Amino acid sequence: SGQVRGLCGTFNGDQRDEFTTPEGDVEPGVAAFANAFRAAGACPALGPGIADPCDGFPGSRERAEAACAVLLGPAFQ
């Protein structure tokens, strides 16, 4: 707790600062936060509305949910 930063958040019990950028700014929305970590030229910037990634890959939702379930496992408790 309190030892992480970046796309995983701050994990300090204060949800108001979970979207802290590398520059130390706290972004109000997901798109601006994610764009702060984007490598220039690596991919397009996110717009204000983020599409559900599973919509672009039909049939992958179960696999994605299983992979993300690791975040709820013992390693992150």
PDB file of N, CA and C in Angstrom:
ATOM      1  N   SER A   1       0.832  -1.182   0.000  1.00  0.00           N
ATOM      2  CA  SER A   1       0.000   0.000   0.000  1.00  0.00           C
ATOM      3  C   SER A   1       0.875   1.243   0.000  1.00  0.00           C
ATOM      4  N   GLY A   2       0.542   2.196  -0.864  1.00  0.00           N
ATOM      5  CA  GLY A   2       1.272   3.447  -0.928  1.00  0.00           C
ATOM      6  C   GLY A   2       2.633   3.353  -1.595  1.00  0.00           C
ATOM      7  N   GLN A   3       2.950   2.216  -2.221  1.00  0.00           N
ATOM      8  CA  GLN A   3       4.258   2.030  -2.843  1.00  0.00           C
ATOM      9  C   GLN A   3       4.184   1.889  -4.351  1.00  0.00           C
ATOM     10  N   VAL A   4       3.005   2.108  -4.940  1.00  0.00           N
ATOM     11  CA  VAL A   4       2.869   1.984  -6.390  1.00  0.00           C
ATOM     12  C   VAL A   4       2.391   3.305  -6.977  1.00  0.00           C
ATOM     13  N   ARG A   5       2.656   3.469  -8.256  1.00  0.00           N
ATOM     14  CA  ARG A   5       2.187   4.628  -9.020  1.00  0.00           C
ATOM     15  C   ARG A   5       1.989   4.171 -10.448  1.00  0.00           C
ATOM     16  N   GLY A   6       1.357   5.006 -11.241  1.00  0.00           N
ATOM     17  CA  GLY A   6       1.216   4.711 -12.649  1.00  0.00           C
ATOM     18  C   GLY A   6      -0.167   4.211 -12.997  1.00  0.00           C
ATOM     19  N   LEU A   7      -0.228   3.363 -14.010  1.00  0.00           N
ATOM     20  CA  LEU A   7      -1.517   2.891 -14.506  1.00  0.00           C
ATOM     21  C   LEU A   7      -2.251   2.032 -13.492  1.00  0.00           C
ATOM     22  N   CYS A   8      -1.569   1.502 -12.498  1.00  0.00           N
ATOM     23  CA  CYS A   8      -2.223   0.728 -11.438  1.00  0.00           C
ATOM     24  C   CYS A   8      -2.769   1.621 -10.340  1.00  0.00           C
ATOM     25  N   GLY A   9      -2.567   2.931 -10.427  1.00  0.00           N
ATOM     26  CA  GLY A   9      -3.047   3.848  -9.401  1.00  0.00           C
ATOM     27  C   GLY A   9      -2.028   4.010  -8.289  1.00  0.00           C
ATOM     28  N   THR A  10      -2.453   4.620  -7.183  1.00  0.00           N
ATOM     29  CA  THR A  10      -1.548   4.882  -6.070  1.00  0.00           C
ATOM     30  C   THR A  10      -1.711   3.895  -4.925  1.00  0.00           C
ATOM     31  N   PHE A  11      -2.869   3.255  -4.848  1.00  0.00           N
ATOM     32  CA  PHE A  11      -3.153   2.247  -3.817  1.00  0.00           C
ATOM     33  C   PHE A  11      -2.821   2.764  -2.423  1.00  0.00           C
ATOM     34  N   ASN A  12      -3.281   3.983  -2.136  1.00  0.00           N
ATOM     35  CA  ASN A  12      -3.026   4.568  -0.832  1.00  0.00           C
ATOM     36  C   ASN A  12      -4.317   4.791  -0.034  1.00  0.00           C
ATOM     37  N   GLY A  13      -5.426   4.265  -0.535  1.00  0.00           N
ATOM     38  CA  GLY A  13      -6.697   4.406   0.152  1.00  0.00           C
ATOM     39  C   GLY A  13      -7.460   5.675  -0.202  1.00  0.00           C
ATOM     40  N   ASP A  14      -6.865   6.537  -0.999  1.00  0.00           N
ATOM     41  CA  ASP A  14      -7.507   7.789  -1.403  1.00  0.00           C
ATOM     42  C   ASP A  14      -7.820   7.713  -2.898  1.00  0.00           C
ATOM     43  N   GLN A  15      -9.063   7.431  -3.238  1.00  0.00           N
ATOM     44  CA  GLN A  15      -9.432   7.260  -4.641  1.00  0.00           C
ATOM     45  C   GLN A  15      -9.356   8.556  -5.432  1.00  0.00           C
ATOM     46  N   ARG A  16      -9.253   9.692  -4.768  1.00  0.00           N
ATOM     47  CA  ARG A  16      -9.204  10.957  -5.484  1.00  0.00           C
ATOM     48  C   ARG A  16      -7.898  11.150  -6.238  1.00  0.00           C
ATOM     49  N   ASP A  17      -6.850  10.412  -5.904  1.00  0.00           N
ATOM     50  CA  ASP A  17      -5.580  10.595  -6.594  1.00  0.00           C
ATOM     51  C   ASP A  17      -5.156   9.373  -7.420  1.00  0.00           C
ATOM     52  N   GLU A  18      -6.098   8.498  -7.730  1.00  0.00           N
ATOM     53  CA  GLU A  18      -5.775   7.297  -8.506  1.00  0.00           C
ATOM     54  C   GLU A  18      -5.300   7.624  -9.917  1.00  0.00           C
ATOM     55  N   PHE A  19      -5.744   8.740 -10.481  1.00  0.00           N
ATOM     56  CA  PHE A  19      -5.369   9.092 -11.845  1.00  0.00           C
ATOM     57  C   PHE A  19      -4.218  10.098 -11.847  1.00  0.00           C
ATOM     58  N   THR A  20      -3.178   9.856 -11.042  1.00  0.00           N
ATOM     59  CA  THR A  20      -2.017  10.733 -10.996  1.00  0.00           C
ATOM     60  C   THR A  20      -1.094  10.410 -12.164  1.00  0.00           C
ATOM     61  N   THR A  21      -0.752  11.438 -12.940  1.00  0.00           N
ATOM     62  CA  THR A  21       0.090  11.278 -14.128  1.00  0.00           C
ATOM     63  C   THR A  21       1.567  11.242 -13.739  1.00  0.00           C
ATOM     64  N   PRO A  22       2.440  10.895 -14.676  1.00  0.00           N
ATOM     65  CA  PRO A  22       3.875  10.913 -14.383  1.00  0.00           C
ATOM     66  C   PRO A  22       4.373  12.298 -13.940  1.00  0.00           C
ATOM     67  N   GLU A  23       3.691  13.344 -14.364  1.00  0.00           N
ATOM     68  CA  GLU A  23       4.077  14.705 -13.989  1.00  0.00           C
ATOM     69  C   GLU A  23       3.539  15.105 -12.619  1.00  0.00           C
ATOM     70  N   GLY A  24       2.709  14.241 -12.005  1.00  0.00           N
ATOM     71  CA  GLY A  24       2.152  14.531 -10.690  1.00  0.00           C
ATOM     72  C   GLY A  24       0.788  15.192 -10.720  1.00  0.00           C
ATOM     73  N   ASP A  25       0.234  15.417 -11.913  1.00  0.00           N
ATOM     74  CA  ASP A  25      -1.106  15.987 -12.033  1.00  0.00           C
ATOM     75  C   ASP A  25      -2.139  14.895 -11.789  1.00  0.00           C
ATOM     76  N   VAL A  26      -3.303  15.269 -11.282  1.00  0.00           N
ATOM     77  CA  VAL A  26      -4.400  14.314 -11.101  1.00  0.00           C
ATOM     78  C   VAL A  26      -5.441  14.624 -12.168  1.00  0.00           C
ATOM     79  N   GLU A  27      -5.640  13.681 -13.074  1.00  0.00           N
ATOM     80  CA  GLU A  27      -6.597  13.860 -14.168  1.00  0.00           C
ATOM     81  C   GLU A  27      -7.994  13.436 -13.708  1.00  0.00           C
ATOM     82  N   PRO A  28      -9.022  14.145 -14.165  1.00  0.00           N
ATOM     83  CA  PRO A  28     -10.390  13.804 -13.762  1.00  0.00           C
ATOM     84  C   PRO A  28     -10.984  12.635 -14.542  1.00  0.00           C
ATOM     85  N   GLY A  29     -10.433  12.316 -15.710  1.00  0.00           N
ATOM     86  CA  GLY A  29     -11.032  11.271 -16.540  1.00  0.00           C
ATOM     87  C   GLY A  29     -10.028  10.238 -17.005  1.00  0.00           C
ATOM     88  N   VAL A  30     -10.552   9.099 -17.413  1.00  0.00           N
ATOM     89  CA  VAL A  30      -9.736   7.968 -17.837  1.00  0.00           C
ATOM     90  C   VAL A  30      -8.917   8.288 -19.078  1.00  0.00           C
ATOM     91  N   ALA A  31      -9.523   8.931 -20.082  1.00  0.00           N
ATOM     92  CA  ALA A  31      -8.823   9.180 -21.339  1.00  0.00           C
ATOM     93  C   ALA A  31      -7.605  10.071 -21.134  1.00  0.00           C
ATOM     94  N   ALA A  32      -7.757  11.176 -20.422  1.00  0.00           N
ATOM     95  CA  ALA A  32      -6.626  12.076 -20.185  1.00  0.00           C
ATOM     96  C   ALA A  32      -5.538  11.371 -19.376  1.00  0.00           C
ATOM     97  N   PHE A  33      -5.937  10.559 -18.408  1.00  0.00           N
ATOM     98  CA  PHE A  33      -4.975   9.813 -17.599  1.00  0.00           C
ATOM     99  C   PHE A  33      -4.193   8.829 -18.470  1.00  0.00           C
ATOM    100  N   ALA A  34      -4.895   8.048 -19.271  1.00  0.00           N
ATOM    101  CA  ALA A  34      -4.230   7.070 -20.137  1.00  0.00           C
ATOM    102  C   ALA A  34      -3.327   7.750 -21.143  1.00  0.00           C
ATOM    103  N   ASN A  35      -3.767   8.867 -21.700  1.00  0.00           N
ATOM    104  CA  ASN A  35      -2.954   9.588 -22.682  1.00  0.00           C
ATOM    105  C   ASN A  35      -1.658  10.116 -22.069  1.00  0.00           C
ATOM    106  N   ALA A  36      -1.648  10.379 -20.775  1.00  0.00           N
ATOM    107  CA  ALA A  36      -0.437  10.862 -20.107  1.00  0.00           C
ATOM    108  C   ALA A  36       0.666   9.802 -20.103  1.00  0.00           C
ATOM    109  N   PHE A  37       0.298   8.528 -20.226  1.00  0.00           N
ATOM    110  CA  PHE A  37       1.274   7.441 -20.232  1.00  0.00           C
ATOM    111  C   PHE A  37       1.576   6.942 -21.646  1.00  0.00           C
ATOM    112  N   ARG A  38       0.933   7.534 -22.652  1.00  0.00           N
ATOM    113  CA  ARG A  38       1.089   7.093 -24.038  1.00  0.00           C
ATOM    114  C   ARG A  38       2.454   7.503 -24.571  1.00  0.00           C
ATOM    115  N   ALA A  39       3.145   6.574 -25.197  1.00  0.00           N
ATOM    116  CA  ALA A  39       4.415   6.883 -25.845  1.00  0.00           C
ATOM    117  C   ALA A  39       4.106   7.621 -27.143  1.00  0.00           C
ATOM    118  N   ALA A  40       4.739   8.746 -27.344  1.00  0.00           N
ATOM    119  CA  ALA A  40       4.488   9.564 -28.535  1.00  0.00           C
ATOM    120  C   ALA A  40       4.688   8.744 -29.808  1.00  0.00           C
ATOM    121  N   GLY A  41       3.698   8.764 -30.658  1.00  0.00           N
ATOM    122  CA  GLY A  41       3.768   8.063 -31.932  1.00  0.00           C
ATOM    123  C   GLY A  41       3.486   6.577 -31.863  1.00  0.00           C
ATOM    124  N   ALA A  42       3.379   6.022 -30.669  1.00  0.00           N
ATOM    125  CA  ALA A  42       3.171   4.583 -30.544  1.00  0.00           C
ATOM    126  C   ALA A  42       1.744   4.171 -30.875  1.00  0.00           C
ATOM    127  N   CYS A  43       0.788   5.021 -30.547  1.00  0.00           N
ATOM    128  CA  CYS A  43      -0.611   4.711 -30.811  1.00  0.00           C
ATOM    129  C   CYS A  43      -1.399   6.015 -30.766  1.00  0.00           C
ATOM    130  N   PRO A  44      -2.592   6.025 -31.336  1.00  0.00           N
ATOM    131  CA  PRO A  44      -3.373   7.264 -31.318  1.00  0.00           C
ATOM    132  C   PRO A  44      -3.859   7.593 -29.907  1.00  0.00           C
ATOM    133  N   ALA A  45      -4.001   8.879 -29.641  1.00  0.00           N
ATOM    134  CA  ALA A  45      -4.521   9.322 -28.352  1.00  0.00           C
ATOM    135  C   ALA A  45      -5.978   8.914 -28.214  1.00  0.00           C
ATOM    136  N   LEU A  46      -6.387   8.632 -26.986  1.00  0.00           N
ATOM    137  CA  LEU A  46      -7.782   8.297 -26.722  1.00  0.00           C
ATOM    138  C   LEU A  46      -8.632   9.554 -26.775  1.00  0.00           C
ATOM    139  N   GLY A  47      -9.822   9.414 -27.300  1.00  0.00           N
ATOM    140  CA  GLY A  47     -10.769  10.516 -27.314  1.00  0.00           C
ATOM    141  C   GLY A  47     -11.514  10.563 -25.993  1.00  0.00           C
ATOM    142  N   PRO A  48     -12.444  11.494 -25.865  1.00  0.00           N
ATOM    143  CA  PRO A  48     -13.160  11.620 -24.595  1.00  0.00           C
ATOM    144  C   PRO A  48     -14.017  10.409 -24.243  1.00  0.00           C
ATOM    145  N   GLY A  49     -14.539   9.721 -25.237  1.00  0.00           N
ATOM    146  CA  GLY A  49     -15.332   8.522 -24.978  1.00  0.00           C
ATOM    147  C   GLY A  49     -14.518   7.294 -25.309  1.00  0.00           C
ATOM    148  N   ILE A  50     -14.368   6.398 -24.354  1.00  0.00           N
ATOM    149  CA  ILE A  50     -13.576   5.194 -24.581  1.00  0.00           C
ATOM    150  C   ILE A  50     -14.513   4.045 -24.936  1.00  0.00           C
ATOM    151  N   ALA A  51     -14.269   3.471 -26.095  1.00  0.00           N
ATOM    152  CA  ALA A  51     -15.098   2.347 -26.538  1.00  0.00           C
ATOM    153  C   ALA A  51     -14.768   1.098 -25.728  1.00  0.00           C
ATOM    154  N   ASP A  52     -15.742   0.227 -25.562  1.00  0.00           N
ATOM    155  CA  ASP A  52     -15.513  -1.037 -24.876  1.00  0.00           C
ATOM    156  C   ASP A  52     -14.585  -1.872 -25.752  1.00  0.00           C
ATOM    157  N   PRO A  53     -13.393  -2.242 -25.262  1.00  0.00           N
ATOM    158  CA  PRO A  53     -12.444  -2.985 -26.094  1.00  0.00           C
ATOM    159  C   PRO A  53     -12.974  -4.331 -26.544  1.00  0.00           C
ATOM    160  N   CYS A  54     -13.901  -4.913 -25.803  1.00  0.00           N
ATOM    161  CA  CYS A  54     -14.437  -6.210 -26.196  1.00  0.00           C
ATOM    162  C   CYS A  54     -15.323  -6.116 -27.433  1.00  0.00           C
ATOM    163  N   ASP A  55     -15.839  -4.917 -27.728  1.00  0.00           N
ATOM    164  CA  ASP A  55     -16.662  -4.757 -28.924  1.00  0.00           C
ATOM    165  C   ASP A  55     -15.859  -5.009 -30.192  1.00  0.00           C
ATOM    166  N   GLY A  56     -14.569  -4.713 -30.169  1.00  0.00           N
ATOM    167  CA  GLY A  56     -13.719  -4.911 -31.339  1.00  0.00           C
ATOM    168  C   GLY A  56     -13.222  -6.330 -31.495  1.00  0.00           C
ATOM    169  N   PHE A  57     -13.400  -7.148 -30.475  1.00  0.00           N
ATOM    170  CA  PHE A  57     -12.901  -8.526 -30.499  1.00  0.00           C
ATOM    171  C   PHE A  57     -13.969  -9.470 -29.965  1.00  0.00           C
ATOM    172  N   PRO A  58     -14.996  -9.745 -30.767  1.00  0.00           N
ATOM    173  CA  PRO A  58     -16.075 -10.618 -30.307  1.00  0.00           C
ATOM    174  C   PRO A  58     -15.537 -11.980 -29.841  1.00  0.00           C
ATOM    175  N   GLY A  59     -16.077 -12.461 -28.747  1.00  0.00           N
ATOM    176  CA  GLY A  59     -15.675 -13.760 -28.229  1.00  0.00           C
ATOM    177  C   GLY A  59     -14.490 -13.711 -27.281  1.00  0.00           C
ATOM    178  N   SER A  60     -13.893 -12.545 -27.091  1.00  0.00           N
ATOM    179  CA  SER A  60     -12.711 -12.444 -26.240  1.00  0.00           C
ATOM    180  C   SER A  60     -13.018 -11.977 -24.824  1.00  0.00           C
ATOM    181  N   ARG A  61     -14.257 -11.640 -24.539  1.00  0.00           N
ATOM    182  CA  ARG A  61     -14.593 -11.091 -23.226  1.00  0.00           C
ATOM    183  C   ARG A  61     -14.225 -12.053 -22.093  1.00  0.00           C
ATOM    184  N   GLU A  62     -14.549 -13.339 -22.222  1.00  0.00           N
ATOM    185  CA  GLU A  62     -14.262 -14.289 -21.154  1.00  0.00           C
ATOM    186  C   GLU A  62     -12.762 -14.390 -20.902  1.00  0.00           C
ATOM    187  N   ARG A  63     -11.973 -14.444 -21.969  1.00  0.00           N
ATOM    188  CA  ARG A  63     -10.521 -14.539 -21.817  1.00  0.00           C
ATOM    189  C   ARG A  63      -9.966 -13.278 -21.157  1.00  0.00           C
ATOM    190  N   ALA A  64     -10.479 -12.119 -21.548  1.00  0.00           N
ATOM    191  CA  ALA A  64     -10.023 -10.859 -20.968  1.00  0.00           C
ATOM    192  C   ALA A  64     -10.401 -10.773 -19.489  1.00  0.00           C
ATOM    193  N   GLU A  65     -11.610 -11.175 -19.143  1.00  0.00           N
ATOM    194  CA  GLU A  65     -12.040 -11.126 -17.749  1.00  0.00           C
ATOM    195  C   GLU A  65     -11.214 -12.070 -16.885  1.00  0.00           C
ATOM    196  N   ALA A  66     -10.863 -13.231 -17.421  1.00  0.00           N
ATOM    197  CA  ALA A  66     -10.033 -14.177 -16.670  1.00  0.00           C
ATOM    198  C   ALA A  66      -8.635 -13.596 -16.452  1.00  0.00           C
ATOM    199  N   ALA A  67      -8.085 -12.946 -17.463  1.00  0.00           N
ATOM    200  CA  ALA A  67      -6.755 -12.339 -17.330  1.00  0.00           C
ATOM    201  C   ALA A  67      -6.782 -11.196 -16.319  1.00  0.00           C
ATOM    202  N   CYS A  68      -7.823 -10.400 -16.336  1.00  0.00           N
ATOM    203  CA  CYS A  68      -7.931  -9.271 -15.413  1.00  0.00           C
ATOM    204  C   CYS A  68      -8.224  -9.720 -13.985  1.00  0.00           C
ATOM    205  N   ALA A  69      -8.767 -10.916 -13.823  1.00  0.00           N
ATOM    206  CA  ALA A  69      -9.078 -11.423 -12.492  1.00  0.00           C
ATOM    207  C   ALA A  69      -7.822 -11.568 -11.645  1.00  0.00           C
ATOM    208  N   VAL A  70      -6.660 -11.627 -12.276  1.00  0.00           N
ATOM    209  CA  VAL A  70      -5.395 -11.709 -11.537  1.00  0.00           C
ATOM    210  C   VAL A  70      -5.263 -10.514 -10.601  1.00  0.00           C
ATOM    211  N   LEU A  71      -5.782  -9.356 -11.007  1.00  0.00           N
ATOM    212  CA  LEU A  71      -5.691  -8.158 -10.192  1.00  0.00           C
ATOM    213  C   LEU A  71      -6.476  -8.279  -8.884  1.00  0.00           C
ATOM    214  N   LEU A  72      -7.432  -9.193  -8.848  1.00  0.00           N
ATOM    215  CA  LEU A  72      -8.205  -9.408  -7.637  1.00  0.00           C
ATOM    216  C   LEU A  72      -7.642 -10.552  -6.797  1.00  0.00           C
ATOM    217  N   GLY A  73      -6.589 -11.186  -7.278  1.00  0.00           N
ATOM    218  CA  GLY A  73      -5.996 -12.335  -6.592  1.00  0.00           C
ATOM    219  C   GLY A  73      -5.062 -11.948  -5.482  1.00  0.00           C
ATOM    220  N   PRO A  74      -4.425 -12.951  -4.870  1.00  0.00           N
ATOM    221  CA  PRO A  74      -3.572 -12.737  -3.707  1.00  0.00           C
ATOM    222  C   PRO A  74      -2.379 -11.818  -3.956  1.00  0.00           C
ATOM    223  N   ALA A  75      -1.875 -11.747  -5.161  1.00  0.00           N
ATOM    224  CA  ALA A  75      -0.707 -10.906  -5.439  1.00  0.00           C
ATOM    225  C   ALA A  75      -0.993  -9.431  -5.189  1.00  0.00           C
ATOM    226  N   PHE A  76      -2.264  -9.027  -5.289  1.00  0.00           N
ATOM    227  CA  PHE A  76      -2.615  -7.627  -5.122  1.00  0.00           C
ATOM    228  C   PHE A  76      -3.445  -7.370  -3.873  1.00  0.00           C
ATOM    229  N   GLN A  77      -3.453  -8.305  -2.959  1.00  0.00           N
ATOM    230  CA  GLN A  77      -4.213  -8.117  -1.718  1.00  0.00           C
ATOM    231  C   GLN A  77      -3.361  -7.502  -0.641  1.00  0.00           C
TER     232      GLN A  77
END
